[in-house]
Amino acid sequence: MSWWGSDARHEVTNEVLDLFEEKNPGITVVRDFGGFDGYLDKITTQYTGGNSPDVVQLYNEVLREFASRGQTADLNTAIEGGELSLDGWPDDLVETNTIDGQLSALPFGLSTHAFIFDEARSAELGVEVPAEDYSWDDLKEYATAISTASGGALYGVTDLSHSYQVFEVWAKQNKEEFLTAEGIGFTADTLVDYWDYWADMRAAKAATPPDVTSEYASPYDAVIQGTAASTFLFANQYAGVVSNSGNPLALLRMPGEAKNPGQYLRTAMNLLVSSQSKHPAEAALLVNFLLNDPEANAILGIERGVPANGNVVKAATENVDENNAKAIALIESVREHGAAAPVPAPTGSGTVNTLFTEFAQQVQFGSLSSKDAADQFIAQAKSELG
């Protein structure tokens, strides 16, 4: 089995795999784990060499590409064989991961977008953290106030103009989509407005400048290291970020959610069985254990998000600490009052996501205007998506 993640994720995953081996004598799980950088290239190379892992953790944006290449086993076969159960699984999630008539994967946890604010630094500077129903204008006002009050020593927010995941929420709040099954789901004007919003923030020194932004692999690293006071993350990452920060961090939904929600319950990541597996039945048993066993989910908790199987949510969440409880409450608020999940990303979306970041960075560094970058990005994205 192959996965990426933090040390905390490796620890609980190895503990669960030990338990699986104890309960399934004769099955040994070879474990291949590390950080996210280079993960997709490694998996792709393994597939090319015909030696892919039997069970693969894979993020949603590239699932269709793997499925369309015939690299995912049809999990319906395991269901028919009794190795895998869908008891407790919402029909719409199963349908979402059914590609070309085959159940290509199952979600390894659900999460949603979120925003954190450094409460201690905000209080020191006399700036009030936004209320729950804050708008994008409220975020701009807060970030500018932080920068001004600190004399430029602390940025109010990390520049998120290169994040397609944040833009995805922005597009949904404007009743559009980032990507649809047919391709691009937003207008150029919507993207220009988004990039101009962040350009204004950079000009006001409210958001991190590009040379600072590019220093951090994850935007929340800038908050942990005291460079910025607020940023975007996924709700399931909150507890880990708090533990690495010396300050209390307020957790809110994204800006602009009160008027027209753009957040949705998203698959944090998927588990699939490789079509190259020489042990598909054993691999399916492992997937079933990780996703459906209460004892396994009591260990895994919500490190990968809230379980998609409603039958094991209680086991995963009943002993969580205060910070994880906050994350769960936010996820549940989106379940009750959120946007519909988008359809599975079309083939080529992984490249489009990279292009989004590249063109946004050209705007950040002043190489292109927002308008020219939006037009060129959309043209190239349409070409990639066919």
Protein backbone atom coordinates (compact mmCIF):
# COMPACT_ATOMS: atom_id res chain seq x y z
CA MET A 1 0.00 0.00 0.00
CA SER A 2 1.22 3.46 -0.88
CA TRP A 3 0.21 6.77 0.68
CA TRP A 4 1.48 10.26 1.37
CA GLY A 5 1.09 12.39 4.46
CA SER A 6 2.52 13.77 7.66
CA ASP A 7 4.29 11.87 10.42
CA ALA A 8 1.00 11.78 12.35
CA ARG A 9 -0.69 10.11 9.37
CA HIS A 10 2.10 7.58 8.98
CA GLU A 11 1.85 6.69 12.67
CA VAL A 12 -1.89 5.95 12.73
CA THR A 13 -1.81 4.24 9.33
CA ASN A 14 0.97 1.89 10.38
CA GLU A 15 -0.90 1.13 13.60
CA VAL A 16 -4.01 0.21 11.64
CA LEU A 17 -2.04 -1.90 9.17
CA ASP A 18 -0.49 -3.78 12.09
CA LEU A 19 -4.02 -4.48 13.33
CA PHE A 20 -5.09 -5.65 9.86
CA GLU A 21 -2.20 -8.09 9.68
CA GLU A 22 -3.03 -9.36 13.18
CA LYS A 23 -6.64 -10.00 12.13
CA ASN A 24 -5.70 -11.45 8.75
CA PRO A 25 -2.90 -14.00 9.27
CA GLY A 26 -1.13 -14.76 6.03
CA ILE A 27 -1.49 -11.25 4.61
CA THR A 28 1.48 -8.90 4.90
CA VAL A 29 1.10 -5.27 3.87
CA VAL A 30 4.20 -3.79 2.26
CA ARG A 31 4.18 -0.11 3.22
CA ASP A 32 5.40 2.71 1.00
CA PHE A 33 4.85 6.19 2.42
CA GLY A 34 6.39 9.66 2.47
CA GLY A 35 5.60 13.29 1.70
CA PHE A 36 3.40 14.62 -1.08
CA ASP A 37 6.19 16.03 -3.25
CA GLY A 38 6.94 13.56 -6.03
CA TYR A 39 4.21 11.16 -4.94
CA LEU A 40 2.23 11.23 -8.19
CA ASP A 41 5.37 10.87 -10.30
CA LYS A 42 6.39 7.85 -8.24
CA ILE A 43 3.01 6.15 -8.63
CA THR A 44 2.91 6.93 -12.35
CA THR A 45 6.38 5.45 -12.82
CA GLN A 46 5.40 2.34 -10.89
CA TYR A 47 2.37 1.86 -13.11
CA THR A 48 4.54 2.27 -16.21
CA GLY A 49 6.88 -0.41 -14.90
CA GLY A 50 4.00 -2.74 -14.11
CA ASN A 51 4.81 -2.80 -10.40
CA SER A 52 2.22 -0.45 -8.94
CA PRO A 53 1.14 -0.94 -5.30
CA ASP A 54 -1.90 -3.16 -4.76
CA VAL A 55 -3.66 -0.38 -2.82
CA VAL A 56 -3.06 3.26 -3.66
CA GLN A 57 -4.07 6.47 -1.91
CA LEU A 58 -4.87 8.94 -4.68
CA TYR A 59 -6.27 12.47 -4.73
CA ASN A 60 -9.49 13.24 -6.46
CA GLU A 61 -8.26 15.51 -9.22
CA VAL A 62 -6.39 12.72 -11.03
CA LEU A 63 -8.73 9.80 -10.32
CA ARG A 64 -10.47 10.03 -13.68
CA GLU A 65 -7.13 9.99 -15.49
CA PHE A 66 -6.08 6.78 -13.76
CA ALA A 67 -9.51 5.23 -14.33
CA SER A 68 -9.61 6.20 -17.99
CA ARG A 69 -6.22 4.53 -18.48
CA GLY A 70 -7.61 1.31 -17.03
CA GLN A 71 -5.33 1.50 -13.99
CA THR A 72 -8.04 1.08 -11.33
CA ALA A 73 -9.73 -2.21 -10.56
CA ASP A 74 -13.53 -2.24 -10.61
CA LEU A 75 -14.45 -2.46 -6.92
CA ASN A 76 -17.85 -3.85 -7.88
CA THR A 77 -16.04 -7.15 -8.42
CA ALA A 78 -14.89 -7.13 -4.78
CA ILE A 79 -18.41 -6.28 -3.63
CA GLU A 80 -19.79 -9.22 -5.60
CA GLY A 81 -17.04 -11.42 -4.15
CA GLY A 82 -17.80 -10.39 -0.58
CA GLU A 83 -14.41 -8.78 0.11
CA LEU A 84 -15.83 -5.24 0.20
CA SER A 85 -19.09 -3.86 1.60
CA LEU A 86 -20.94 -0.64 0.84
CA ASP A 87 -23.16 -0.88 3.91
CA GLY A 88 -23.42 2.63 5.34
CA TRP A 89 -22.17 4.37 2.22
CA PRO A 90 -24.16 7.25 0.70
CA ASP A 91 -25.33 6.44 -2.82
CA ASP A 92 -24.18 9.79 -4.22
CA LEU A 93 -20.58 9.22 -3.10
CA VAL A 94 -20.55 5.80 -4.71
CA GLU A 95 -22.01 7.31 -7.86
CA THR A 96 -19.41 10.10 -7.85
CA ASN A 97 -16.59 7.56 -7.94
CA THR A 98 -18.23 5.40 -10.59
CA ILE A 99 -16.40 6.21 -13.80
CA ASP A 100 -17.34 4.62 -17.12
CA GLY A 101 -19.56 2.16 -15.27
CA GLN A 102 -16.85 0.97 -12.89
CA LEU A 103 -16.44 1.79 -9.19
CA SER A 104 -12.90 3.11 -9.47
CA ALA A 105 -12.22 4.07 -5.85
CA LEU A 106 -13.84 4.98 -2.55
CA PRO A 107 -13.24 8.14 -0.51
CA PHE A 108 -10.69 7.80 2.29
CA GLY A 109 -12.38 10.60 4.28
CA LEU A 110 -14.40 13.75 3.63
CA SER A 111 -13.32 17.29 4.39
CA THR A 112 -13.98 20.84 3.31
CA HIS A 113 -12.26 24.19 2.94
CA ALA A 114 -11.64 26.41 5.96
CA PHE A 115 -9.86 29.58 7.08
CA ILE A 116 -7.70 30.11 10.15
CA PHE A 117 -6.89 33.33 12.01
CA ASP A 118 -4.10 33.80 14.54
CA GLU A 119 -6.14 35.01 17.50
CA ALA A 120 -3.17 35.89 19.72
CA ARG A 121 -1.37 38.06 17.15
CA SER A 122 -4.65 39.71 16.17
CA ALA A 123 -5.38 40.59 19.80
CA GLU A 124 -1.84 41.92 20.34
CA LEU A 125 -2.34 44.26 17.37
CA GLY A 126 -5.84 45.28 18.45
CA VAL A 127 -7.47 43.82 15.34
CA GLU A 128 -10.67 41.86 15.73
CA VAL A 129 -10.89 38.46 14.01
CA PRO A 130 -13.79 38.42 11.48
CA ALA A 131 -17.16 37.04 12.56
CA GLU A 132 -18.57 33.81 11.13
CA ASP A 133 -20.59 35.53 8.38
CA TYR A 134 -17.64 37.56 7.08
CA SER A 135 -17.27 38.55 3.46
CA TRP A 136 -14.28 38.79 1.12
CA ASP A 137 -14.34 42.55 1.77
CA ASP A 138 -14.23 41.83 5.50
CA LEU A 139 -11.16 39.65 4.96
CA LYS A 140 -9.50 42.46 3.01
CA GLU A 141 -10.29 44.93 5.80
CA TYR A 142 -8.92 42.56 8.45
CA ALA A 143 -5.74 41.77 6.52
CA THR A 144 -5.03 45.43 5.80
CA ALA A 145 -5.56 46.32 9.45
CA ILE A 146 -3.11 43.60 10.55
CA SER A 147 -0.44 44.83 8.16
CA THR A 148 -0.94 48.46 9.18
CA ALA A 149 -1.01 47.76 12.92
CA SER A 150 2.15 45.66 12.72
CA GLY A 151 4.01 48.24 10.65
CA GLY A 152 4.38 45.66 7.89
CA ALA A 153 5.99 43.07 10.17
CA LEU A 154 3.01 40.72 9.82
CA TYR A 155 0.97 40.13 6.66
CA GLY A 156 -2.77 39.85 7.17
CA VAL A 157 -3.23 36.83 4.90
CA THR A 158 -1.19 34.60 2.62
CA ASP A 159 -1.68 35.33 -1.07
CA LEU A 160 -4.02 32.59 -2.31
CA SER A 161 -4.38 33.76 -5.90
CA HIS A 162 -2.56 30.67 -7.17
CA SER A 163 -4.87 28.24 -5.35
CA TYR A 164 -7.38 26.65 -7.72
CA GLN A 165 -9.03 25.14 -4.65
CA VAL A 166 -9.80 28.59 -3.23
CA PHE A 167 -10.87 29.84 -6.66
CA GLU A 168 -13.18 26.82 -6.89
CA VAL A 169 -15.10 28.17 -3.88
CA TRP A 170 -15.04 31.69 -5.32
CA ALA A 171 -16.52 30.39 -8.61
CA LYS A 172 -19.24 28.44 -6.83
CA GLN A 173 -20.16 31.50 -4.76
CA ASN A 174 -20.64 33.21 -8.13
CA LYS A 175 -22.86 30.32 -9.27
CA GLU A 176 -20.22 28.92 -11.59
CA GLU A 177 -17.88 25.92 -11.43
CA PHE A 178 -14.12 25.63 -11.79
CA LEU A 179 -14.43 22.51 -13.94
CA THR A 180 -17.43 20.61 -15.24
CA ALA A 181 -17.63 17.27 -17.04
CA GLU A 182 -17.39 19.22 -20.29
CA GLY A 183 -14.45 21.43 -19.28
CA ILE A 184 -14.14 25.02 -18.03
CA GLY A 185 -17.12 26.07 -15.93
CA PHE A 186 -16.40 29.75 -15.27
CA THR A 187 -16.13 32.97 -17.22
CA ALA A 188 -12.91 34.94 -17.76
CA ASP A 189 -14.45 37.88 -15.86
CA THR A 190 -14.88 35.75 -12.74
CA LEU A 191 -11.22 34.72 -12.80
CA VAL A 192 -10.06 38.29 -13.49
CA ASP A 193 -12.08 39.49 -10.50
CA TYR A 194 -10.44 36.81 -8.34
CA TRP A 195 -6.90 37.63 -9.41
CA ASP A 196 -7.58 41.39 -9.14
CA TYR A 197 -8.86 40.88 -5.57
CA TRP A 198 -5.53 39.37 -4.56
CA ALA A 199 -3.56 41.94 -6.57
CA ASP A 200 -5.27 44.66 -4.54
CA MET A 201 -4.33 42.82 -1.35
CA ARG A 202 -0.69 42.60 -2.40
CA ALA A 203 -0.64 46.30 -3.36
CA ALA A 204 -1.96 47.17 0.12
CA LYS A 205 0.71 44.90 1.66
CA ALA A 206 -2.18 43.00 3.25
CA ALA A 207 -1.22 39.73 1.50
CA THR A 208 2.20 38.14 1.24
CA PRO A 209 4.32 39.29 -1.74
CA PRO A 210 5.23 36.63 -4.33
CA ASP A 211 8.79 36.07 -3.11
CA VAL A 212 7.43 35.32 0.38
CA THR A 213 4.45 33.29 -0.84
CA SER A 214 6.71 31.00 -2.86
CA GLU A 215 8.75 30.13 0.24
CA TYR A 216 5.97 28.02 1.71
CA ALA A 217 4.86 24.62 0.45
CA SER A 218 1.53 25.05 2.26
CA PRO A 219 -0.09 28.43 2.96
CA TYR A 220 -0.62 27.54 6.62
CA ASP A 221 3.17 27.29 7.08
CA ALA A 222 3.27 31.10 6.85
CA VAL A 223 0.87 31.30 9.81
CA ILE A 224 2.78 28.73 11.82
CA GLN A 225 6.02 30.63 11.27
CA GLY A 226 4.48 33.99 12.15
CA THR A 227 4.69 35.54 8.68
CA ALA A 228 0.94 35.90 8.11
CA ALA A 229 -2.08 36.07 10.42
CA SER A 230 -4.60 34.10 8.38
CA THR A 231 -4.91 31.64 5.53
CA PHE A 232 -6.81 28.82 3.88
CA LEU A 233 -6.51 25.12 4.76
CA PHE A 234 -8.67 22.01 4.77
CA ALA A 235 -10.63 21.42 7.94
CA ASN A 236 -9.01 18.04 8.68
CA GLN A 237 -5.60 19.78 8.75
CA TYR A 238 -6.65 22.17 11.52
CA ALA A 239 -5.62 20.13 14.57
CA GLY A 240 -2.17 19.43 13.12
CA VAL A 241 -1.61 23.10 12.29
CA VAL A 242 -2.70 24.15 15.79
CA SER A 243 -0.27 21.68 17.33
CA ASN A 244 2.57 23.21 15.31
CA SER A 245 1.60 26.78 16.11
CA GLY A 246 2.31 28.44 19.40
CA ASN A 247 -0.85 30.53 19.19
CA PRO A 248 -4.59 29.77 19.30
CA LEU A 249 -6.12 29.75 15.82
CA ALA A 250 -9.75 30.63 15.11
CA LEU A 251 -11.36 28.28 12.58
CA LEU A 252 -14.04 29.66 10.26
CA ARG A 253 -15.60 28.82 6.92
CA MET A 254 -14.32 30.59 3.84
CA PRO A 255 -15.16 34.27 3.31
CA GLY A 256 -18.41 34.97 1.46
CA GLU A 257 -20.21 31.82 2.54
CA ALA A 258 -23.15 33.60 4.17
CA LYS A 259 -24.56 34.96 0.91
CA ASN A 260 -24.11 32.01 -1.41
CA PRO A 261 -22.20 28.94 -0.14
CA GLY A 262 -19.39 27.67 -2.32
CA GLN A 263 -17.92 25.15 0.08
CA TYR A 264 -18.87 21.51 -0.30
CA LEU A 265 -18.00 18.17 1.22
CA ARG A 266 -15.06 17.05 -0.84
CA THR A 267 -13.28 13.74 -0.97
CA ALA A 268 -10.09 14.33 0.98
CA MET A 269 -8.47 11.45 -0.89
CA ASN A 270 -9.39 8.07 -2.36
CA LEU A 271 -8.37 4.47 -1.95
CA LEU A 272 -8.19 2.29 -5.03
CA VAL A 273 -7.05 -1.19 -5.93
CA SER A 274 -4.62 -1.27 -8.82
CA SER A 275 -5.72 -3.13 -11.93
CA GLN A 276 -2.17 -4.56 -11.96
CA SER A 277 -2.60 -6.17 -8.54
CA LYS A 278 -1.80 -9.87 -8.34
CA HIS A 279 -3.71 -10.00 -5.05
CA PRO A 280 -6.95 -8.13 -5.79
CA ALA A 281 -9.03 -10.03 -3.23
CA GLU A 282 -6.55 -9.36 -0.40
CA ALA A 283 -6.22 -5.74 -1.53
CA ALA A 284 -10.00 -5.34 -1.41
CA LEU A 285 -10.06 -6.83 2.09
CA LEU A 286 -7.56 -4.18 3.16
CA VAL A 287 -9.63 -1.38 1.61
CA ASN A 288 -12.72 -2.76 3.33
CA PHE A 289 -10.89 -2.81 6.69
CA LEU A 290 -9.58 0.73 6.36
CA LEU A 291 -12.92 2.21 5.31
CA ASN A 292 -15.51 0.10 7.10
CA ASP A 293 -14.03 -1.34 10.30
CA PRO A 294 -14.99 0.63 13.46
CA GLU A 295 -11.81 -0.40 15.31
CA ALA A 296 -9.65 0.75 12.41
CA ASN A 297 -11.46 4.07 12.17
CA ALA A 298 -11.18 4.63 15.92
CA ILE A 299 -7.42 4.62 15.36
CA LEU A 300 -7.43 6.62 12.11
CA GLY A 301 -9.73 9.28 13.55
CA ILE A 302 -10.29 12.22 11.17
CA GLU A 303 -6.68 12.69 10.08
CA ARG A 304 -7.87 12.10 6.51
CA GLY A 305 -11.24 13.75 7.16
CA VAL A 306 -14.55 12.43 8.46
CA PRO A 307 -15.23 8.87 7.24
CA ALA A 308 -17.60 8.65 4.30
CA ASN A 309 -19.21 5.49 5.74
CA GLY A 310 -21.82 6.74 8.20
CA ASN A 311 -21.55 3.51 10.20
CA VAL A 312 -18.02 4.32 11.42
CA VAL A 313 -18.28 8.10 11.95
CA LYS A 314 -19.00 7.66 15.65
CA ALA A 315 -15.97 5.41 16.12
CA ALA A 316 -13.72 7.93 14.37
CA THR A 317 -15.01 11.00 16.17
CA GLU A 318 -16.18 10.07 19.68
CA ASN A 319 -12.77 10.53 21.33
CA VAL A 320 -11.51 13.53 19.38
CA ASP A 321 -9.92 16.48 21.17
CA GLU A 322 -11.23 20.05 21.18
CA ASN A 323 -9.48 21.06 17.99
CA ASN A 324 -10.68 18.08 16.00
CA ALA A 325 -14.18 18.71 17.41
CA LYS A 326 -14.03 22.23 15.92
CA ALA A 327 -13.06 20.79 12.55
CA ILE A 328 -15.89 18.27 12.67
CA ALA A 329 -18.38 21.02 13.56
CA LEU A 330 -17.24 23.03 10.54
CA ILE A 331 -17.50 20.01 8.25
CA GLU A 332 -20.99 19.30 9.55
CA SER A 333 -22.02 22.93 8.97
CA VAL A 334 -21.10 22.48 5.31
CA ARG A 335 -22.99 19.18 5.21
CA GLU A 336 -26.07 21.09 6.38
CA HIS A 337 -25.51 24.36 4.50
CA GLY A 338 -23.06 23.92 1.68
CA ALA A 339 -22.83 23.70 -2.08
CA ALA A 340 -23.21 20.54 -4.13
CA ALA A 341 -20.01 18.64 -4.86
CA PRO A 342 -18.72 19.03 -8.41
CA VAL A 343 -18.70 16.14 -10.84
CA PRO A 344 -15.45 14.14 -11.09
CA ALA A 345 -12.77 16.27 -12.69
CA PRO A 346 -12.31 15.55 -16.41
CA THR A 347 -9.18 14.01 -17.86
CA GLY A 348 -6.46 16.63 -18.05
CA SER A 349 -7.56 18.43 -14.90
CA GLY A 350 -4.28 17.72 -13.14
CA THR A 351 -2.41 19.65 -15.83
CA VAL A 352 -5.03 22.40 -15.71
CA ASN A 353 -4.55 22.78 -11.96
CA THR A 354 -0.82 23.22 -12.53
CA LEU A 355 -1.45 25.76 -15.29
CA PHE A 356 -3.71 27.72 -12.94
CA THR A 357 -0.87 28.09 -10.46
CA GLU A 358 1.65 28.99 -13.16
CA PHE A 359 -0.48 31.75 -14.68
CA ALA A 360 -1.41 33.10 -11.24
CA GLN A 361 2.28 33.34 -10.39
CA GLN A 362 2.88 35.34 -13.55
CA VAL A 363 0.24 37.79 -12.32
CA GLN A 364 1.82 37.83 -8.86
CA PHE A 365 5.24 38.73 -10.28
CA GLY A 366 3.79 41.27 -12.74
CA SER A 367 4.67 39.35 -15.90
CA LEU A 368 1.04 39.30 -17.07
CA SER A 369 -2.07 41.32 -16.33
CA SER A 370 -5.00 39.50 -14.78
CA LYS A 371 -6.94 39.82 -18.05
CA ASP A 372 -4.16 38.49 -20.28
CA ALA A 373 -3.38 35.68 -17.85
CA ALA A 374 -7.05 34.65 -17.61
CA ASP A 375 -7.46 34.60 -21.38
CA GLN A 376 -4.28 32.60 -21.94
CA PHE A 377 -5.01 30.19 -19.09
CA ILE A 378 -8.52 29.45 -20.34
CA ALA A 379 -7.27 28.87 -23.87
CA GLN A 380 -4.58 26.43 -22.74
CA ALA A 381 -6.90 24.74 -20.26
CA LYS A 382 -9.48 24.12 -22.98
CA SER A 383 -6.76 22.56 -25.11
CA GLU A 384 -5.68 20.25 -22.26
CA LEU A 385 -9.26 19.22 -21.53
CA GLY A 386 -9.97 18.47 -25.16
